[in-house]
């Protein structure tokens, strides 16, 4: 069975780096994984949904949501805020 979401990434940004793959059926887990990839500055090669690469706009939307989650996490940690206050003041957290 094909996983609902699949992310291909590499630890190294070099052209011939060996890609790795993460698969899940949970959209929240997919977004959390992309957030972790951004946090660690890993290269995101592709994101697939139901075995097909997502469109450029869908790819960008996933990255944008993950970046917002990452920003919220850092703001909360740096300013000792609860997610509700961070959302009220800065608008990132859900």
N, C-alpha and C. Protein backbone atom coordinates (compact mmCIF):
# COMPACT_ATOMS: atom_id res chain seq x y z
N UNK A 1 0.84 -1.19 0.00
CA UNK A 1 0.00 0.00 0.00
C UNK A 1 0.89 1.26 0.00
N UNK A 2 0.55 2.21 -0.81
CA UNK A 2 1.30 3.46 -0.92
C UNK A 2 0.95 4.35 0.28
N UNK A 3 1.97 4.88 0.97
CA UNK A 3 1.68 5.79 2.08
C UNK A 3 1.06 7.08 1.55
N UNK A 4 0.23 7.68 2.37
CA UNK A 4 -0.46 8.90 1.97
C UNK A 4 0.53 10.04 1.71
N UNK A 5 1.52 10.19 2.58
CA UNK A 5 2.52 11.26 2.44
C UNK A 5 3.91 10.66 2.46
N UNK A 6 4.77 11.17 1.61
CA UNK A 6 6.15 10.71 1.55
C UNK A 6 7.05 11.93 1.31
N UNK A 7 8.11 12.02 2.10
CA UNK A 7 9.03 13.14 2.00
C UNK A 7 10.42 12.59 1.71
N UNK A 8 11.03 13.07 0.66
CA UNK A 8 12.39 12.69 0.34
C UNK A 8 13.31 13.84 0.75
N UNK A 9 14.35 13.51 1.52
CA UNK A 9 15.25 14.53 2.04
C UNK A 9 16.66 13.98 2.09
N UNK A 10 17.63 14.87 2.27
CA UNK A 10 19.02 14.43 2.44
C UNK A 10 19.67 15.27 3.53
N UNK A 11 20.67 14.67 4.16
CA UNK A 11 21.40 15.35 5.22
C UNK A 11 22.42 16.32 4.66
N UNK A 12 22.80 16.08 3.43
CA UNK A 12 23.85 16.86 2.79
C UNK A 12 23.27 17.58 1.57
N UNK A 13 23.67 18.80 1.34
CA UNK A 13 23.14 19.59 0.23
C UNK A 13 23.88 19.33 -1.08
N UNK A 14 24.87 18.46 -1.06
CA UNK A 14 25.64 18.20 -2.28
C UNK A 14 24.77 17.53 -3.33
N UNK A 15 25.14 17.72 -4.56
CA UNK A 15 24.35 17.24 -5.70
C UNK A 15 24.13 15.73 -5.67
N UNK A 16 25.11 14.97 -5.22
CA UNK A 16 25.02 13.51 -5.28
C UNK A 16 24.79 12.89 -3.91
N UNK A 17 24.18 13.61 -3.00
CA UNK A 17 23.90 13.09 -1.66
C UNK A 17 22.85 11.98 -1.74
N UNK A 18 22.98 11.01 -0.87
CA UNK A 18 22.04 9.89 -0.83
C UNK A 18 20.72 10.36 -0.20
N UNK A 19 19.60 10.27 -0.93
CA UNK A 19 18.32 10.71 -0.37
C UNK A 19 17.77 9.70 0.64
N UNK A 20 17.01 10.21 1.58
CA UNK A 20 16.31 9.41 2.57
C UNK A 20 14.83 9.65 2.39
N UNK A 21 14.02 8.75 2.93
CA UNK A 21 12.58 8.89 2.74
C UNK A 21 11.86 8.68 4.07
N UNK A 22 10.88 9.52 4.31
CA UNK A 22 9.99 9.40 5.46
C UNK A 22 8.58 9.28 4.92
N UNK A 23 7.81 8.32 5.44
CA UNK A 23 6.44 8.11 4.97
C UNK A 23 5.49 8.03 6.14
N UNK A 24 4.28 8.55 5.94
CA UNK A 24 3.25 8.51 6.97
C UNK A 24 1.88 8.66 6.31
N UNK A 25 0.86 8.26 7.02
CA UNK A 25 -0.51 8.46 6.56
C UNK A 25 -1.15 9.65 7.28
N UNK A 26 -0.45 10.21 8.24
CA UNK A 26 -0.98 11.29 9.08
C UNK A 26 -0.48 12.65 8.57
N UNK A 27 -1.39 13.55 8.16
CA UNK A 27 -0.95 14.86 7.66
C UNK A 27 -0.26 15.71 8.72
N UNK A 28 -0.67 15.56 9.98
CA UNK A 28 -0.03 16.33 11.05
C UNK A 28 1.40 15.84 11.26
N UNK A 29 1.61 14.53 11.25
CA UNK A 29 2.96 13.97 11.39
C UNK A 29 3.84 14.42 10.23
N UNK A 30 3.28 14.49 9.05
CA UNK A 30 4.01 14.95 7.87
C UNK A 30 4.49 16.39 8.08
N UNK A 31 3.59 17.25 8.53
CA UNK A 31 3.94 18.66 8.75
C UNK A 31 4.97 18.80 9.87
N UNK A 32 4.82 18.01 10.93
CA UNK A 32 5.78 18.06 12.02
C UNK A 32 7.16 17.60 11.56
N UNK A 33 7.20 16.61 10.68
CA UNK A 33 8.48 16.13 10.16
C UNK A 33 9.14 17.20 9.30
N UNK A 34 8.37 17.88 8.48
CA UNK A 34 8.92 18.97 7.66
C UNK A 34 9.46 20.08 8.57
N UNK A 35 8.77 20.36 9.66
CA UNK A 35 9.25 21.35 10.62
C UNK A 35 10.61 20.94 11.18
N UNK A 36 10.75 19.65 11.52
CA UNK A 36 12.03 19.15 12.04
C UNK A 36 13.13 19.25 10.97
N UNK A 37 12.78 18.96 9.73
CA UNK A 37 13.78 19.09 8.65
C UNK A 37 14.25 20.53 8.52
N UNK A 38 13.31 21.48 8.60
CA UNK A 38 13.69 22.90 8.54
C UNK A 38 14.57 23.28 9.73
N UNK A 39 14.22 22.78 10.90
CA UNK A 39 14.98 23.06 12.11
C UNK A 39 16.43 22.60 11.97
N UNK A 40 16.62 21.45 11.37
CA UNK A 40 17.95 20.87 11.24
C UNK A 40 18.67 21.28 9.94
N UNK A 41 18.00 22.11 9.15
CA UNK A 41 18.56 22.62 7.89
C UNK A 41 18.90 21.51 6.90
N UNK A 42 18.05 20.46 6.86
CA UNK A 42 18.23 19.38 5.90
C UNK A 42 17.62 19.79 4.57
N UNK A 43 18.11 19.21 3.50
CA UNK A 43 17.62 19.50 2.16
C UNK A 43 16.35 18.70 1.90
N UNK A 44 15.26 19.37 1.56
CA UNK A 44 13.99 18.71 1.25
C UNK A 44 13.91 18.57 -0.27
N UNK A 45 14.00 17.34 -0.74
CA UNK A 45 14.03 17.07 -2.18
C UNK A 45 12.62 17.09 -2.78
N UNK A 46 11.68 16.38 -2.13
CA UNK A 46 10.32 16.33 -2.67
C UNK A 46 9.34 15.93 -1.59
N UNK A 47 8.08 16.28 -1.83
CA UNK A 47 6.96 15.86 -0.99
C UNK A 47 5.92 15.25 -1.92
N UNK A 48 5.52 14.02 -1.60
CA UNK A 48 4.53 13.32 -2.42
C UNK A 48 3.27 13.06 -1.61
N UNK A 49 2.14 13.08 -2.29
CA UNK A 49 0.84 12.76 -1.70
C UNK A 49 0.21 11.68 -2.56
N UNK A 50 -0.10 10.55 -1.94
CA UNK A 50 -0.66 9.39 -2.66
C UNK A 50 0.25 8.95 -3.81
N UNK A 51 1.55 9.02 -3.59
CA UNK A 51 2.51 8.54 -4.58
C UNK A 51 2.88 9.52 -5.68
N UNK A 52 2.24 10.68 -5.72
CA UNK A 52 2.52 11.69 -6.75
C UNK A 52 3.11 12.95 -6.12
N UNK A 53 4.08 13.57 -6.77
CA UNK A 53 4.63 14.82 -6.23
C UNK A 53 3.54 15.89 -6.12
N UNK A 54 3.57 16.63 -5.02
CA UNK A 54 2.60 17.71 -4.85
C UNK A 54 2.96 18.85 -5.81
N UNK A 55 1.98 19.69 -6.10
CA UNK A 55 2.23 20.84 -6.98
C UNK A 55 3.14 21.83 -6.25
N UNK A 56 3.68 22.73 -7.01
CA UNK A 56 4.57 23.75 -6.43
C UNK A 56 3.86 24.56 -5.35
N UNK A 57 2.61 24.93 -5.59
CA UNK A 57 1.87 25.72 -4.60
C UNK A 57 1.57 24.90 -3.34
N UNK A 58 1.27 23.61 -3.49
CA UNK A 58 1.05 22.75 -2.32
C UNK A 58 2.34 22.57 -1.53
N UNK A 59 3.45 22.37 -2.24
CA UNK A 59 4.76 22.24 -1.61
C UNK A 59 5.06 23.50 -0.80
N UNK A 60 4.87 24.65 -1.43
CA UNK A 60 5.13 25.92 -0.76
C UNK A 60 4.24 26.12 0.46
N UNK A 61 2.99 25.68 0.38
CA UNK A 61 2.06 25.80 1.51
C UNK A 61 2.52 24.94 2.69
N UNK A 62 2.98 23.73 2.42
CA UNK A 62 3.49 22.86 3.50
C UNK A 62 4.70 23.49 4.16
N UNK A 63 5.62 24.00 3.34
CA UNK A 63 6.82 24.64 3.87
C UNK A 63 6.46 25.88 4.69
N UNK A 64 5.51 26.66 4.20
CA UNK A 64 5.10 27.88 4.91
C UNK A 64 4.49 27.55 6.27
N UNK A 65 3.62 26.53 6.32
CA UNK A 65 3.02 26.13 7.60
C UNK A 65 4.09 25.61 8.56
N UNK A 66 5.01 24.81 8.05
CA UNK A 66 6.08 24.27 8.89
C UNK A 66 6.98 25.40 9.41
N UNK A 67 7.29 26.36 8.56
CA UNK A 67 8.11 27.50 8.99
C UNK A 67 7.39 28.33 10.05
N UNK A 68 6.08 28.49 9.91
CA UNK A 68 5.29 29.20 10.92
C UNK A 68 5.31 28.47 12.25
N UNK A 69 5.18 27.14 12.20
CA UNK A 69 5.25 26.34 13.43
C UNK A 69 6.61 26.48 14.10
N UNK A 70 7.65 26.47 13.28
CA UNK A 70 9.01 26.61 13.80
C UNK A 70 9.21 28.00 14.42
N UNK A 71 8.73 29.02 13.75
CA UNK A 71 8.83 30.38 14.29
C UNK A 71 8.10 30.49 15.62
N UNK A 72 6.90 29.92 15.69
CA UNK A 72 6.13 29.96 16.93
C UNK A 72 6.87 29.26 18.06
N UNK A 73 7.43 28.10 17.76
CA UNK A 73 8.18 27.33 18.75
C UNK A 73 9.36 28.14 19.30
N UNK A 74 10.09 28.81 18.41
CA UNK A 74 11.24 29.59 18.83
C UNK A 74 10.83 30.84 19.62
N UNK A 75 9.77 31.48 19.20
CA UNK A 75 9.28 32.66 19.92
C UNK A 75 8.85 32.28 21.32
N UNK A 76 8.08 31.18 21.44
CA UNK A 76 7.63 30.73 22.76
C UNK A 76 8.82 30.42 23.66
N UNK A 77 9.82 29.74 23.12
CA UNK A 77 10.99 29.38 23.92
C UNK A 77 11.81 30.62 24.30
N UNK A 78 12.01 31.52 23.37
CA UNK A 78 12.86 32.69 23.63
C UNK A 78 12.21 33.71 24.55
N UNK A 79 10.89 33.85 24.46
CA UNK A 79 10.20 34.86 25.25
C UNK A 79 9.41 34.27 26.42
N UNK A 80 9.52 32.97 26.62
CA UNK A 80 8.79 32.27 27.70
C UNK A 80 7.29 32.55 27.62
N UNK A 81 6.74 32.38 26.43
CA UNK A 81 5.32 32.61 26.21
C UNK A 81 4.58 31.30 26.05
N UNK A 82 3.31 31.32 26.40
CA UNK A 82 2.43 30.19 26.09
C UNK A 82 1.99 30.34 24.64
N UNK A 83 1.64 29.24 23.97
CA UNK A 83 1.23 29.33 22.56
C UNK A 83 0.07 30.30 22.32
N UNK A 84 -0.85 30.40 23.28
CA UNK A 84 -1.98 31.32 23.11
C UNK A 84 -1.52 32.78 23.06
N UNK A 85 -0.58 33.13 23.95
CA UNK A 85 -0.08 34.50 23.96
C UNK A 85 0.76 34.79 22.72
N UNK A 86 1.55 33.79 22.31
CA UNK A 86 2.35 33.95 21.10
C UNK A 86 1.43 34.20 19.91
N UNK A 87 0.35 33.43 19.81
CA UNK A 87 -0.60 33.61 18.69
C UNK A 87 -1.24 34.98 18.75
N UNK A 88 -1.62 35.43 19.92
CA UNK A 88 -2.25 36.74 20.06
C UNK A 88 -1.29 37.85 19.68
N UNK A 89 -0.03 37.73 20.12
CA UNK A 89 0.94 38.80 19.88
C UNK A 89 1.59 38.73 18.50
N UNK A 90 1.85 37.51 18.01
CA UNK A 90 2.63 37.36 16.78
C UNK A 90 1.91 36.62 15.65
N UNK A 91 0.87 35.86 16.00
CA UNK A 91 0.03 35.23 14.99
C UNK A 91 0.54 33.96 14.35
N UNK A 92 1.52 33.26 14.94
CA UNK A 92 2.03 32.04 14.31
C UNK A 92 1.33 30.77 14.77
N UNK A 93 1.24 30.54 16.07
CA UNK A 93 0.71 29.27 16.59
C UNK A 93 -0.76 29.11 16.27
N UNK A 94 -1.16 27.85 16.13
CA UNK A 94 -2.58 27.57 15.84
C UNK A 94 -3.42 27.64 17.08
